[in-house]
Amino acid sequence: MTFRKTYILKLYVAGNTPNSMRALKTLRDILESEFRGVYALKVIDVLKNPQLAEEDKILATPTLAKILPPPVRRIIGDLSDRERVLIGLDLLYEELTEDFQLDVDDLEAGGVPSTPESS
């Protein structure tokens, strides 16, 4: 049985600004396609809860904070760069590592790497 990480995320926004709404929509799209069933998201409006932003040292919005799994990571902006968000959540790095490991396993088993041949 394979266990997947559970992601605990906080998205800090400042009201219903276009950047805040874009960040929330983009993040939900990413979470539903890549993290379905393995995440918890808390959206914090810093205009309504400034003390939470102060406690967590949030200086700009929107800011996405990945609390778990460690290490804590923060991404500032509207989250429109999907690759940057995935790297920030440690998902893209793991996929690249897994792909690399598969290639190494193929080579060790006597396989030939699947790279395009030069003509």
PDB file of N, CA and C in Angstrom:
ATOM      1  N   MET A   1       0.843  -1.186   0.000  1.00  0.00           N
ATOM      2  CA  MET A   1       0.000   0.000   0.000  1.00  0.00           C
ATOM      3  C   MET A   1       0.882   1.241   0.000  1.00  0.00           C
ATOM      4  N   THR A   2       0.609   2.163  -0.919  1.00  0.00           N
ATOM      5  CA  THR A   2       1.389   3.385  -1.035  1.00  0.00           C
ATOM      6  C   THR A   2       0.678   4.520  -0.319  1.00  0.00           C
ATOM      7  N   PHE A   3       1.427   5.213   0.544  1.00  0.00           N
ATOM      8  CA  PHE A   3       0.861   6.358   1.248  1.00  0.00           C
ATOM      9  C   PHE A   3       1.342   7.622   0.572  1.00  0.00           C
ATOM     10  N   ARG A   4       0.420   8.541   0.348  1.00  0.00           N
ATOM     11  CA  ARG A   4       0.780   9.831  -0.216  1.00  0.00           C
ATOM     12  C   ARG A   4       0.833  10.856   0.898  1.00  0.00           C
ATOM     13  N   LYS A   5       1.645  11.863   0.686  1.00  0.00           N
ATOM     14  CA  LYS A   5       1.737  12.942   1.654  1.00  0.00           C
ATOM     15  C   LYS A   5       0.402  13.675   1.741  1.00  0.00           C
ATOM     16  N   THR A   6       0.116  14.219   2.907  1.00  0.00           N
ATOM     17  CA  THR A   6      -1.027  15.100   3.068  1.00  0.00           C
ATOM     18  C   THR A   6      -0.483  16.524   3.131  1.00  0.00           C
ATOM     19  N   TYR A   7      -1.074  17.400   2.357  1.00  0.00           N
ATOM     20  CA  TYR A   7      -0.620  18.785   2.277  1.00  0.00           C
ATOM     21  C   TYR A   7      -1.564  19.678   3.066  1.00  0.00           C
ATOM     22  N   ILE A   8      -0.996  20.469   3.971  1.00  0.00           N
ATOM     23  CA  ILE A   8      -1.738  21.461   4.738  1.00  0.00           C
ATOM     24  C   ILE A   8      -1.298  22.820   4.200  1.00  0.00           C
ATOM     25  N   LEU A   9      -2.254  23.580   3.673  1.00  0.00           N
ATOM     26  CA  LEU A   9      -1.950  24.844   3.005  1.00  0.00           C
ATOM     27  C   LEU A   9      -2.781  25.980   3.576  1.00  0.00           C
ATOM     28  N   LYS A  10      -2.180  27.172   3.572  1.00  0.00           N
ATOM     29  CA  LYS A  10      -2.901  28.390   3.935  1.00  0.00           C
ATOM     30  C   LYS A  10      -2.702  29.390   2.813  1.00  0.00           C
ATOM     31  N   LEU A  11      -3.810  29.958   2.350  1.00  0.00           N
ATOM     32  CA  LEU A  11      -3.741  30.997   1.338  1.00  0.00           C
ATOM     33  C   LEU A  11      -4.192  32.309   1.983  1.00  0.00           C
ATOM     34  N   TYR A  12      -3.285  33.271   2.027  1.00  0.00           N
ATOM     35  CA  TYR A  12      -3.577  34.587   2.598  1.00  0.00           C
ATOM     36  C   TYR A  12      -3.975  35.515   1.461  1.00  0.00           C
ATOM     37  N   VAL A  13      -5.161  36.110   1.583  1.00  0.00           N
ATOM     38  CA  VAL A  13      -5.665  37.034   0.576  1.00  0.00           C
ATOM     39  C   VAL A  13      -6.082  38.336   1.254  1.00  0.00           C
ATOM     40  N   ALA A  14      -6.266  39.379   0.443  1.00  0.00           N
ATOM     41  CA  ALA A  14      -6.723  40.666   0.967  1.00  0.00           C
ATOM     42  C   ALA A  14      -8.058  40.988   0.316  1.00  0.00           C
ATOM     43  N   GLY A  15      -9.120  40.474   0.895  1.00  0.00           N
ATOM     44  CA  GLY A  15     -10.453  40.714   0.351  1.00  0.00           C
ATOM     45  C   GLY A  15     -10.680  39.984  -0.957  1.00  0.00           C
ATOM     46  N   ASN A  16     -11.610  40.521  -1.758  1.00  0.00           N
ATOM     47  CA  ASN A  16     -11.979  39.895  -3.032  1.00  0.00           C
ATOM     48  C   ASN A  16     -11.319  40.598  -4.213  1.00  0.00           C
ATOM     49  N   THR A  17     -10.055  40.951  -4.088  1.00  0.00           N
ATOM     50  CA  THR A  17      -9.350  41.616  -5.184  1.00  0.00           C
ATOM     51  C   THR A  17      -9.175  40.644  -6.343  1.00  0.00           C
ATOM     52  N   PRO A  18      -8.977  41.163  -7.553  1.00  0.00           N
ATOM     53  CA  PRO A  18      -8.767  40.267  -8.705  1.00  0.00           C
ATOM     54  C   PRO A  18      -7.590  39.301  -8.500  1.00  0.00           C
ATOM     55  N   ASN A  19      -6.472  39.790  -7.950  1.00  0.00           N
ATOM     56  CA  ASN A  19      -5.327  38.901  -7.710  1.00  0.00           C
ATOM     57  C   ASN A  19      -5.663  37.809  -6.701  1.00  0.00           C
ATOM     58  N   SER A  20      -6.385  38.163  -5.649  1.00  0.00           N
ATOM     59  CA  SER A  20      -6.770  37.179  -4.637  1.00  0.00           C
ATOM     60  C   SER A  20      -7.683  36.112  -5.227  1.00  0.00           C
ATOM     61  N   MET A  21      -8.667  36.536  -6.008  1.00  0.00           N
ATOM     62  CA  MET A  21      -9.610  35.587  -6.602  1.00  0.00           C
ATOM     63  C   MET A  21      -8.926  34.700  -7.640  1.00  0.00           C
ATOM     64  N   ARG A  22      -7.996  35.280  -8.413  1.00  0.00           N
ATOM     65  CA  ARG A  22      -7.242  34.501  -9.399  1.00  0.00           C
ATOM     66  C   ARG A  22      -6.369  33.470  -8.700  1.00  0.00           C
ATOM     67  N   ALA A  23      -5.716  33.870  -7.610  1.00  0.00           N
ATOM     68  CA  ALA A  23      -4.874  32.942  -6.866  1.00  0.00           C
ATOM     69  C   ALA A  23      -5.701  31.791  -6.311  1.00  0.00           C
ATOM     70  N   LEU A  24      -6.862  32.099  -5.755  1.00  0.00           N
ATOM     71  CA  LEU A  24      -7.717  31.064  -5.183  1.00  0.00           C
ATOM     72  C   LEU A  24      -8.216  30.105  -6.259  1.00  0.00           C
ATOM     73  N   LYS A  25      -8.659  30.638  -7.391  1.00  0.00           N
ATOM     74  CA  LYS A  25      -9.152  29.778  -8.476  1.00  0.00           C
ATOM     75  C   LYS A  25      -8.020  28.889  -9.008  1.00  0.00           C
ATOM     76  N   THR A  26      -6.867  29.491  -9.264  1.00  0.00           N
ATOM     77  CA  THR A  26      -5.731  28.732  -9.785  1.00  0.00           C
ATOM     78  C   THR A  26      -5.319  27.639  -8.808  1.00  0.00           C
ATOM     79  N   LEU A  27      -5.243  27.995  -7.535  1.00  0.00           N
ATOM     80  CA  LEU A  27      -4.838  27.018  -6.524  1.00  0.00           C
ATOM     81  C   LEU A  27      -5.837  25.872  -6.440  1.00  0.00           C
ATOM     82  N   ARG A  28      -7.117  26.184  -6.438  1.00  0.00           N
ATOM     83  CA  ARG A  28      -8.128  25.113  -6.377  1.00  0.00           C
ATOM     84  C   ARG A  28      -8.037  24.198  -7.590  1.00  0.00           C
ATOM     85  N   ASP A  29      -7.785  24.771  -8.769  1.00  0.00           N
ATOM     86  CA  ASP A  29      -7.617  23.947  -9.973  1.00  0.00           C
ATOM     87  C   ASP A  29      -6.430  23.000  -9.824  1.00  0.00           C
ATOM     88  N   ILE A  30      -5.316  23.526  -9.339  1.00  0.00           N
ATOM     89  CA  ILE A  30      -4.115  22.704  -9.143  1.00  0.00           C
ATOM     90  C   ILE A  30      -4.376  21.619  -8.106  1.00  0.00           C
ATOM     91  N   LEU A  31      -4.978  21.999  -7.000  1.00  0.00           N
ATOM     92  CA  LEU A  31      -5.220  21.034  -5.924  1.00  0.00           C
ATOM     93  C   LEU A  31      -6.164  19.920  -6.372  1.00  0.00           C
ATOM     94  N   GLU A  32      -7.197  20.266  -7.122  1.00  0.00           N
ATOM     95  CA  GLU A  32      -8.147  19.244  -7.557  1.00  0.00           C
ATOM     96  C   GLU A  32      -7.550  18.317  -8.604  1.00  0.00           C
ATOM     97  N   SER A  33      -6.623  18.815  -9.411  1.00  0.00           N
ATOM     98  CA  SER A  33      -6.035  17.951 -10.431  1.00  0.00           C
ATOM     99  C   SER A  33      -4.822  17.181  -9.929  1.00  0.00           C
ATOM    100  N   GLU A  34      -4.052  17.743  -9.012  1.00  0.00           N
ATOM    101  CA  GLU A  34      -2.804  17.113  -8.581  1.00  0.00           C
ATOM    102  C   GLU A  34      -2.835  16.527  -7.170  1.00  0.00           C
ATOM    103  N   PHE A  35      -3.704  17.047  -6.307  1.00  0.00           N
ATOM    104  CA  PHE A  35      -3.674  16.675  -4.895  1.00  0.00           C
ATOM    105  C   PHE A  35      -5.023  16.185  -4.389  1.00  0.00           C
ATOM    106  N   ARG A  36      -5.868  15.711  -5.272  1.00  0.00           N
ATOM    107  CA  ARG A  36      -7.233  15.330  -4.898  1.00  0.00           C
ATOM    108  C   ARG A  36      -7.224  14.397  -3.687  1.00  0.00           C
ATOM    109  N   GLY A  37      -7.910  14.829  -2.633  1.00  0.00           N
ATOM    110  CA  GLY A  37      -8.062  13.998  -1.445  1.00  0.00           C
ATOM    111  C   GLY A  37      -6.891  13.995  -0.481  1.00  0.00           C
ATOM    112  N   VAL A  38      -5.820  14.726  -0.791  1.00  0.00           N
ATOM    113  CA  VAL A  38      -4.664  14.706   0.109  1.00  0.00           C
ATOM    114  C   VAL A  38      -4.254  16.114   0.547  1.00  0.00           C
ATOM    115  N   TYR A  39      -5.224  17.016   0.630  1.00  0.00           N
ATOM    116  CA  TYR A  39      -4.871  18.367   1.051  1.00  0.00           C
ATOM    117  C   TYR A  39      -5.974  18.963   1.919  1.00  0.00           C
ATOM    118  N   ALA A  40      -5.562  19.938   2.723  1.00  0.00           N
ATOM    119  CA  ALA A  40      -6.492  20.773   3.475  1.00  0.00           C
ATOM    120  C   ALA A  40      -6.069  22.214   3.213  1.00  0.00           C
ATOM    121  N   LEU A  41      -7.023  23.041   2.817  1.00  0.00           N
ATOM    122  CA  LEU A  41      -6.736  24.434   2.480  1.00  0.00           C
ATOM    123  C   LEU A  41      -7.535  25.350   3.379  1.00  0.00           C
ATOM    124  N   LYS A  42      -6.839  26.306   3.978  1.00  0.00           N
ATOM    125  CA  LYS A  42      -7.506  27.338   4.775  1.00  0.00           C
ATOM    126  C   LYS A  42      -7.229  28.673   4.097  1.00  0.00           C
ATOM    127  N   VAL A  43      -8.299  29.399   3.760  1.00  0.00           N
ATOM    128  CA  VAL A  43      -8.162  30.720   3.146  1.00  0.00           C
ATOM    129  C   VAL A  43      -8.336  31.758   4.247  1.00  0.00           C
ATOM    130  N   ILE A  44      -7.347  32.633   4.369  1.00  0.00           N
ATOM    131  CA  ILE A  44      -7.345  33.646   5.423  1.00  0.00           C
ATOM    132  C   ILE A  44      -7.370  35.028   4.778  1.00  0.00           C
ATOM    133  N   ASP A  45      -8.420  35.783   5.064  1.00  0.00           N
ATOM    134  CA  ASP A  45      -8.531  37.148   4.585  1.00  0.00           C
ATOM    135  C   ASP A  45      -7.836  38.050   5.612  1.00  0.00           C
ATOM    136  N   VAL A  46      -6.714  38.629   5.214  1.00  0.00           N
ATOM    137  CA  VAL A  46      -5.923  39.429   6.157  1.00  0.00           C
ATOM    138  C   VAL A  46      -6.618  40.731   6.529  1.00  0.00           C
ATOM    139  N   LEU A  47      -7.613  41.152   5.739  1.00  0.00           N
ATOM    140  CA  LEU A  47      -8.370  42.351   6.107  1.00  0.00           C
ATOM    141  C   LEU A  47      -9.310  42.056   7.272  1.00  0.00           C
ATOM    142  N   LYS A  48      -9.810  40.828   7.332  1.00  0.00           N
ATOM    143  CA  LYS A  48     -10.695  40.418   8.417  1.00  0.00           C
ATOM    144  C   LYS A  48      -9.935  39.863   9.616  1.00  0.00           C
ATOM    145  N   ASN A  49      -8.748  39.301   9.378  1.00  0.00           N
ATOM    146  CA  ASN A  49      -7.941  38.688  10.444  1.00  0.00           C
ATOM    147  C   ASN A  49      -6.492  39.165  10.368  1.00  0.00           C
ATOM    148  N   PRO A  50      -6.259  40.460  10.583  1.00  0.00           N
ATOM    149  CA  PRO A  50      -4.885  40.970  10.468  1.00  0.00           C
ATOM    150  C   PRO A  50      -3.924  40.348  11.473  1.00  0.00           C
ATOM    151  N   GLN A  51      -4.443  39.897  12.619  1.00  0.00           N
ATOM    152  CA  GLN A  51      -3.568  39.298  13.624  1.00  0.00           C
ATOM    153  C   GLN A  51      -2.958  37.988  13.121  1.00  0.00           C
ATOM    154  N   LEU A  52      -3.700  37.222  12.304  1.00  0.00           N
ATOM    155  CA  LEU A  52      -3.156  35.980  11.752  1.00  0.00           C
ATOM    156  C   LEU A  52      -2.029  36.265  10.771  1.00  0.00           C
ATOM    157  N   ALA A  53      -2.202  37.303   9.966  1.00  0.00           N
ATOM    158  CA  ALA A  53      -1.151  37.686   9.026  1.00  0.00           C
ATOM    159  C   ALA A  53       0.089  38.149   9.784  1.00  0.00           C
ATOM    160  N   GLU A  54      -0.122  38.902  10.842  1.00  0.00           N
ATOM    161  CA  GLU A  54       1.007  39.388  11.641  1.00  0.00           C
ATOM    162  C   GLU A  54       1.733  38.226  12.319  1.00  0.00           C
ATOM    163  N   GLU A  55       0.976  37.305  12.922  1.00  0.00           N
ATOM    164  CA  GLU A  55       1.581  36.149  13.595  1.00  0.00           C
ATOM    165  C   GLU A  55       2.402  35.298  12.631  1.00  0.00           C
ATOM    166  N   ASP A  56       1.896  35.154  11.401  1.00  0.00           N
ATOM    167  CA  ASP A  56       2.582  34.314  10.417  1.00  0.00           C
ATOM    168  C   ASP A  56       3.554  35.099   9.545  1.00  0.00           C
ATOM    169  N   LYS A  57       3.744  36.377   9.892  1.00  0.00           N
ATOM    170  CA  LYS A  57       4.697  37.252   9.197  1.00  0.00           C
ATOM    171  C   LYS A  57       4.427  37.338   7.692  1.00  0.00           C
ATOM    172  N   ILE A  58       3.153  37.545   7.343  1.00  0.00           N
ATOM    173  CA  ILE A  58       2.754  37.701   5.952  1.00  0.00           C
ATOM    174  C   ILE A  58       2.863  39.179   5.598  1.00  0.00           C
ATOM    175  N   LEU A  59       3.694  39.489   4.605  1.00  0.00           N
ATOM    176  CA  LEU A  59       3.938  40.875   4.226  1.00  0.00           C
ATOM    177  C   LEU A  59       3.246  41.271   2.929  1.00  0.00           C
ATOM    178  N   ALA A  60       2.835  40.285   2.122  1.00  0.00           N
ATOM    179  CA  ALA A  60       2.197  40.574   0.840  1.00  0.00           C
ATOM    180  C   ALA A  60       1.099  39.551   0.584  1.00  0.00           C
ATOM    181  N   THR A  61       0.110  39.950  -0.211  1.00  0.00           N
ATOM    182  CA  THR A  61      -0.947  39.020  -0.576  1.00  0.00           C
ATOM    183  C   THR A  61      -1.127  39.072  -2.088  1.00  0.00           C
ATOM    184  N   PRO A  62      -1.582  37.998  -2.674  1.00  0.00           N
ATOM    185  CA  PRO A  62      -1.802  36.695  -2.049  1.00  0.00           C
ATOM    186  C   PRO A  62      -0.490  35.979  -1.758  1.00  0.00           C
ATOM    187  N   THR A  63      -0.493  35.221  -0.667  1.00  0.00           N
ATOM    188  CA  THR A  63       0.634  34.367  -0.297  1.00  0.00           C
ATOM    189  C   THR A  63       0.097  32.981   0.027  1.00  0.00           C
ATOM    190  N   LEU A  64       0.709  31.980  -0.575  1.00  0.00           N
ATOM    191  CA  LEU A  64       0.380  30.591  -0.279  1.00  0.00           C
ATOM    192  C   LEU A  64       1.464  30.043   0.631  1.00  0.00           C
ATOM    193  N   ALA A  65       1.063  29.490   1.767  1.00  0.00           N
ATOM    194  CA  ALA A  65       2.019  28.871   2.688  1.00  0.00           C
ATOM    195  C   ALA A  65       1.729  27.378   2.748  1.00  0.00           C
ATOM    196  N   LYS A  66       2.750  26.576   2.470  1.00  0.00           N
ATOM    197  CA  LYS A  66       2.639  25.124   2.625  1.00  0.00           C
ATOM    198  C   LYS A  66       3.176  24.812   4.014  1.00  0.00           C
ATOM    199  N   ILE A  67       2.305  24.361   4.899  1.00  0.00           N
ATOM    200  CA  ILE A  67       2.676  24.095   6.280  1.00  0.00           C
ATOM    201  C   ILE A  67       3.212  22.668   6.420  1.00  0.00           C
ATOM    202  N   LEU A  68       2.497  21.712   5.876  1.00  0.00           N
ATOM    203  CA  LEU A  68       2.912  20.308   5.888  1.00  0.00           C
ATOM    204  C   LEU A  68       2.828  19.763   4.473  1.00  0.00           C
ATOM    205  N   PRO A  69       3.686  18.850   4.096  1.00  0.00           N
ATOM    206  CA  PRO A  69       4.829  18.334   4.836  1.00  0.00           C
ATOM    207  C   PRO A  69       5.977  19.343   4.867  1.00  0.00           C
ATOM    208  N   PRO A  70       6.859  19.190   5.857  1.00  0.00           N
ATOM    209  CA  PRO A  70       7.993  20.109   5.952  1.00  0.00           C
ATOM    210  C   PRO A  70       8.867  19.994   4.699  1.00  0.00           C
ATOM    211  N   PRO A  71       9.604  21.010   4.385  1.00  0.00           N
ATOM    212  CA  PRO A  71       9.737  22.286   5.075  1.00  0.00           C
ATOM    213  C   PRO A  71       8.597  23.233   4.712  1.00  0.00           C
ATOM    214  N   VAL A  72       8.366  24.216   5.575  1.00  0.00           N
ATOM    215  CA  VAL A  72       7.368  25.245   5.294  1.00  0.00           C
ATOM    216  C   VAL A  72       7.870  26.044   4.088  1.00  0.00           C
ATOM    217  N   ARG A  73       6.973  26.275   3.141  1.00  0.00           N
ATOM    218  CA  ARG A  73       7.327  27.047   1.952  1.00  0.00           C
ATOM    219  C   ARG A  73       6.280  28.116   1.731  1.00  0.00           C
ATOM    220  N   ARG A  74       6.681  29.236   1.110  1.00  0.00           N
ATOM    221  CA  ARG A  74       5.751  30.315   0.792  1.00  0.00           C
ATOM    222  C   ARG A  74       5.913  30.697  -0.671  1.00  0.00           C
ATOM    223  N   ILE A  75       4.781  30.960  -1.293  1.00  0.00           N
ATOM    224  CA  ILE A  75       4.762  31.426  -2.673  1.00  0.00           C
ATOM    225  C   ILE A  75       3.928  32.705  -2.673  1.00  0.00           C
ATOM    226  N   ILE A  76       4.505  33.782  -3.177  1.00  0.00           N
ATOM    227  CA  ILE A  76       3.820  35.068  -3.199  1.00  0.00           C
ATOM    228  C   ILE A  76       3.399  35.376  -4.632  1.00  0.00           C
ATOM    229  N   GLY A  77       2.166  35.821  -4.801  1.00  0.00           N
ATOM    230  CA  GLY A  77       1.677  36.203  -6.123  1.00  0.00           C
ATOM    231  C   GLY A  77       0.355  35.531  -6.431  1.00  0.00           C
ATOM    232  N   ASP A  78      -0.105  35.699  -7.673  1.00  0.00           N
ATOM    233  CA  ASP A  78      -1.423  35.182  -8.040  1.00  0.00           C
ATOM    234  C   ASP A  78      -1.406  33.696  -8.410  1.00  0.00           C
ATOM    235  N   LEU A  79      -0.264  33.042  -8.277  1.00  0.00           N
ATOM    236  CA  LEU A  79      -0.105  31.597  -8.496  1.00  0.00           C
ATOM    237  C   LEU A  79      -0.364  31.196  -9.941  1.00  0.00           C
ATOM    238  N   SER A  80      -0.248  32.138 -10.871  1.00  0.00           N
ATOM    239  CA  SER A  80      -0.537  31.840 -12.271  1.00  0.00           C
ATOM    240  C   SER A  80       0.539  30.977 -12.917  1.00  0.00           C
ATOM    241  N   ASP A  81       1.731  30.906 -12.339  1.00  0.00           N
ATOM    242  CA  ASP A  81       2.799  30.059 -12.870  1.00  0.00           C
ATOM    243  C   ASP A  81       2.676  28.672 -12.241  1.00  0.00           C
ATOM    244  N   ARG A  82       1.977  27.778 -12.929  1.00  0.00           N
ATOM    245  CA  ARG A  82       1.668  26.440 -12.412  1.00  0.00           C
ATOM    246  C   ARG A  82       2.934  25.668 -12.010  1.00  0.00           C
ATOM    247  N   GLU A  83       3.965  25.742 -12.840  1.00  0.00           N
ATOM    248  CA  GLU A  83       5.204  25.019 -12.544  1.00  0.00           C
ATOM    249  C   GLU A  83       5.832  25.528 -11.247  1.00  0.00           C
ATOM    250  N   ARG A  84       5.834  26.828 -11.063  1.00  0.00           N
ATOM    251  CA  ARG A  84       6.396  27.420  -9.841  1.00  0.00           C
ATOM    252  C   ARG A  84       5.622  26.957  -8.608  1.00  0.00           C
ATOM    253  N   VAL A  85       4.300  26.881  -8.734  1.00  0.00           N
ATOM    254  CA  VAL A  85       3.470  26.421  -7.620  1.00  0.00           C
ATOM    255  C   VAL A  85       3.778  24.958  -7.310  1.00  0.00           C
ATOM    256  N   LEU A  86       3.872  24.120  -8.345  1.00  0.00           N
ATOM    257  CA  LEU A  86       4.156  22.694  -8.134  1.00  0.00           C
ATOM    258  C   LEU A  86       5.536  22.483  -7.522  1.00  0.00           C
ATOM    259  N   ILE A  87       6.506  23.251  -7.961  1.00  0.00           N
ATOM    260  CA  ILE A  87       7.840  23.161  -7.359  1.00  0.00           C
ATOM    261  C   ILE A  87       7.768  23.610  -5.902  1.00  0.00           C
ATOM    262  N   GLY A  88       7.032  24.678  -5.639  1.00  0.00           N
ATOM    263  CA  GLY A  88       6.879  25.180  -4.271  1.00  0.00           C
ATOM    264  C   GLY A  88       6.201  24.180  -3.354  1.00  0.00           C
ATOM    265  N   LEU A  89       5.340  23.348  -3.912  1.00  0.00           N
ATOM    266  CA  LEU A  89       4.647  22.329  -3.119  1.00  0.00           C
ATOM    267  C   LEU A  89       5.400  21.005  -3.118  1.00  0.00           C
ATOM    268  N   ASP A  90       6.584  20.983  -3.706  1.00  0.00           N
ATOM    269  CA  ASP A  90       7.447  19.798  -3.779  1.00  0.00           C
ATOM    270  C   ASP A  90       6.861  18.677  -4.628  1.00  0.00           C
ATOM    271  N   LEU A  91       5.905  18.956  -5.474  1.00  0.00           N
ATOM    272  CA  LEU A  91       5.342  17.896  -6.299  1.00  0.00           C
ATOM    273  C   LEU A  91       6.163  17.697  -7.560  1.00  0.00           C
ATOM    274  N   LEU A  92       6.492  18.753  -8.258  1.00  0.00           N
ATOM    275  CA  LEU A  92       7.219  18.631  -9.511  1.00  0.00           C
ATOM    276  C   LEU A  92       8.593  18.031  -9.272  1.00  0.00           C
ATOM    277  N   TYR A  93       9.261  18.420  -8.207  1.00  0.00           N
ATOM    278  CA  TYR A  93      10.584  17.877  -7.891  1.00  0.00           C
ATOM    279  C   TYR A  93      10.507  16.366  -7.717  1.00  0.00           C
ATOM    280  N   GLU A  94       9.481  15.885  -6.992  1.00  0.00           N
ATOM    281  CA  GLU A  94       9.338  14.454  -6.769  1.00  0.00           C
ATOM    282  C   GLU A  94       9.076  13.722  -8.077  1.00  0.00           C
ATOM    283  N   GLU A  95       8.263  14.301  -8.961  1.00  0.00           N
ATOM    284  CA  GLU A  95       7.993  13.660 -10.243  1.00  0.00           C
ATOM    285  C   GLU A  95       9.268  13.577 -11.071  1.00  0.00           C
ATOM    286  N   LEU A  96      10.069  14.636 -11.079  1.00  0.00           N
ATOM    287  CA  LEU A  96      11.317  14.609 -11.822  1.00  0.00           C
ATOM    288  C   LEU A  96      12.262  13.565 -11.246  1.00  0.00           C
ATOM    289  N   THR A  97      12.321  13.458  -9.927  1.00  0.00           N
ATOM    290  CA  THR A  97      13.179  12.475  -9.272  1.00  0.00           C
ATOM    291  C   THR A  97      12.717  11.066  -9.608  1.00  0.00           C
ATOM    292  N   GLU A  98      11.398  10.822  -9.581  1.00  0.00           N
ATOM    293  CA  GLU A  98      10.878   9.501  -9.912  1.00  0.00           C
ATOM    294  C   GLU A  98      11.193   9.142 -11.353  1.00  0.00           C
ATOM    295  N   ASP A  99      11.048  10.087 -12.288  1.00  0.00           N
ATOM    296  CA  ASP A  99      11.364   9.828 -13.684  1.00  0.00           C
ATOM    297  C   ASP A  99      12.834   9.480 -13.832  1.00  0.00           C
ATOM    298  N   PHE A 100      13.706  10.206 -13.149  1.00  0.00           N
ATOM    299  CA  PHE A 100      15.128   9.943 -13.207  1.00  0.00           C
ATOM    300  C   PHE A 100      15.427   8.560 -12.647  1.00  0.00           C
ATOM    301  N   GLN A 101      14.789   8.193 -11.539  1.00  0.00           N
ATOM    302  CA  GLN A 101      15.026   6.892 -10.929  1.00  0.00           C
ATOM    303  C   GLN A 101      14.608   5.772 -11.878  1.00  0.00           C
ATOM    304  N   LEU A 102      13.500   5.943 -12.592  1.00  0.00           N
ATOM    305  CA  LEU A 102      13.062   4.933 -13.556  1.00  0.00           C
ATOM    306  C   LEU A 102      14.095   4.763 -14.654  1.00  0.00           C
ATOM    307  N   ASP A 103      14.665   5.855 -15.165  1.00  0.00           N
ATOM    308  CA  ASP A 103      15.684   5.766 -16.202  1.00  0.00           C
ATOM    309  C   ASP A 103      16.915   5.028 -15.699  1.00  0.00           C
ATOM    310  N   VAL A 104      17.335   5.306 -14.464  1.00  0.00           N
ATOM    311  CA  VAL A 104      18.499   4.637 -13.887  1.00  0.00           C
ATOM    312  C   VAL A 104      18.212   3.148 -13.715  1.00  0.00           C
ATOM    313  N   ASP A 105      17.022   2.805 -13.246  1.00  0.00           N
ATOM    314  CA  ASP A 105      16.657   1.394 -13.087  1.00  0.00           C
ATOM    315  C   ASP A 105      16.684   0.671 -14.423  1.00  0.00           C
ATOM    316  N   ASP A 106      16.198   1.322 -15.506  1.00  0.00           N
ATOM    317  CA  ASP A 106      16.214   0.719 -16.834  1.00  0.00           C
ATOM    318  C   ASP A 106      17.642   0.429 -17.279  1.00  0.00           C
ATOM    319  N   LEU A 107      18.543   1.397 -17.036  1.00  0.00           N
ATOM    320  CA  LEU A 107      19.936   1.220 -17.430  1.00  0.00           C
ATOM    321  C   LEU A 107      20.588   0.078 -16.659  1.00  0.00           C
ATOM    322  N   GLU A 108      20.308   0.016 -15.347  1.00  0.00           N
ATOM    323  CA  GLU A 108      20.893  -1.041 -14.531  1.00  0.00           C
ATOM    324  C   GLU A 108      20.383  -2.419 -14.943  1.00  0.00           C
ATOM    325  N   ALA A 109      19.160  -2.470 -15.502  1.00  0.00           N
ATOM    326  CA  ALA A 109      18.581  -3.735 -15.928  1.00  0.00           C
ATOM    327  C   ALA A 109      19.034  -4.103 -17.342  1.00  0.00           C
ATOM    328  N   GLY A 110      19.927  -3.302 -17.917  1.00  0.00           N
ATOM    329  CA  GLY A 110      20.447  -3.589 -19.247  1.00  0.00           C
ATOM    330  C   GLY A 110      19.642  -2.949 -20.357  1.00  0.00           C
ATOM    331  N   GLY A 111      18.721  -2.099 -19.991  1.00  0.00           N
ATOM    332  CA  GLY A 111      17.903  -1.408 -20.996  1.00  0.00           C
ATOM    333  C   GLY A 111      18.661  -0.274 -21.643  1.00  0.00           C
ATOM    334  N   VAL A 112      18.087   0.251 -22.670  1.00  0.00           N
ATOM    335  CA  VAL A 112      18.682   1.375 -23.377  1.00  0.00           C
ATOM    336  C   VAL A 112      17.847   2.612 -23.082  1.00  0.00           C
ATOM    337  N   PRO A 113      18.476   3.738 -22.734  1.00  0.00           N
ATOM    338  CA  PRO A 113      17.706   4.942 -22.443  1.00  0.00           C
ATOM    339  C   PRO A 113      16.910   5.368 -23.670  1.00  0.00           C
ATOM    340  N   SER A 114      15.741   5.913 -23.401  1.00  0.00           N
ATOM    341  CA  SER A 114      14.867   6.336 -24.490  1.00  0.00           C
ATOM    342  C   SER A 114      15.130   7.781 -24.842  1.00  0.00           C
ATOM    343  N   THR A 115      16.266   8.029 -25.502  1.00  0.00           N
ATOM    344  CA  THR A 115      16.600   9.382 -25.940  1.00  0.00           C
ATOM    345  C   THR A 115      16.591   9.400 -27.453  1.00  0.00           C
ATOM    346  N   PRO A 116      16.244  10.537 -28.053  1.00  0.00           N
ATOM    347  CA  PRO A 116      16.228  10.597 -29.513  1.00  0.00           C
ATOM    348  C   PRO A 116      17.634  10.423 -30.065  1.00  0.00           C
ATOM    349  N   GLU A 117      17.753   9.674 -31.161  1.00  0.00           N
ATOM    350  CA  GLU A 117      19.066   9.443 -31.771  1.00  0.00           C
ATOM    351  C   GLU A 117      19.414  10.597 -32.698  1.00  0.00           C
ATOM    352  N   SER A 118      20.699  10.927 -32.765  1.00  0.00           N
ATOM    353  CA  SER A 118      21.148  11.982 -33.672  1.00  0.00           C
ATOM    354  C   SER A 118      21.304  11.380 -35.053  1.00  0.00           C
ATOM    355  N   SER A 119      20.935  12.143 -36.061  1.00  0.00           N
ATOM    356  CA  SER A 119      21.065  11.654 -37.442  1.00  0.00           C
ATOM    357  C   SER A 119      22.315  12.185 -38.061  1.00  0.00           C
TER     358      SER A 119
END
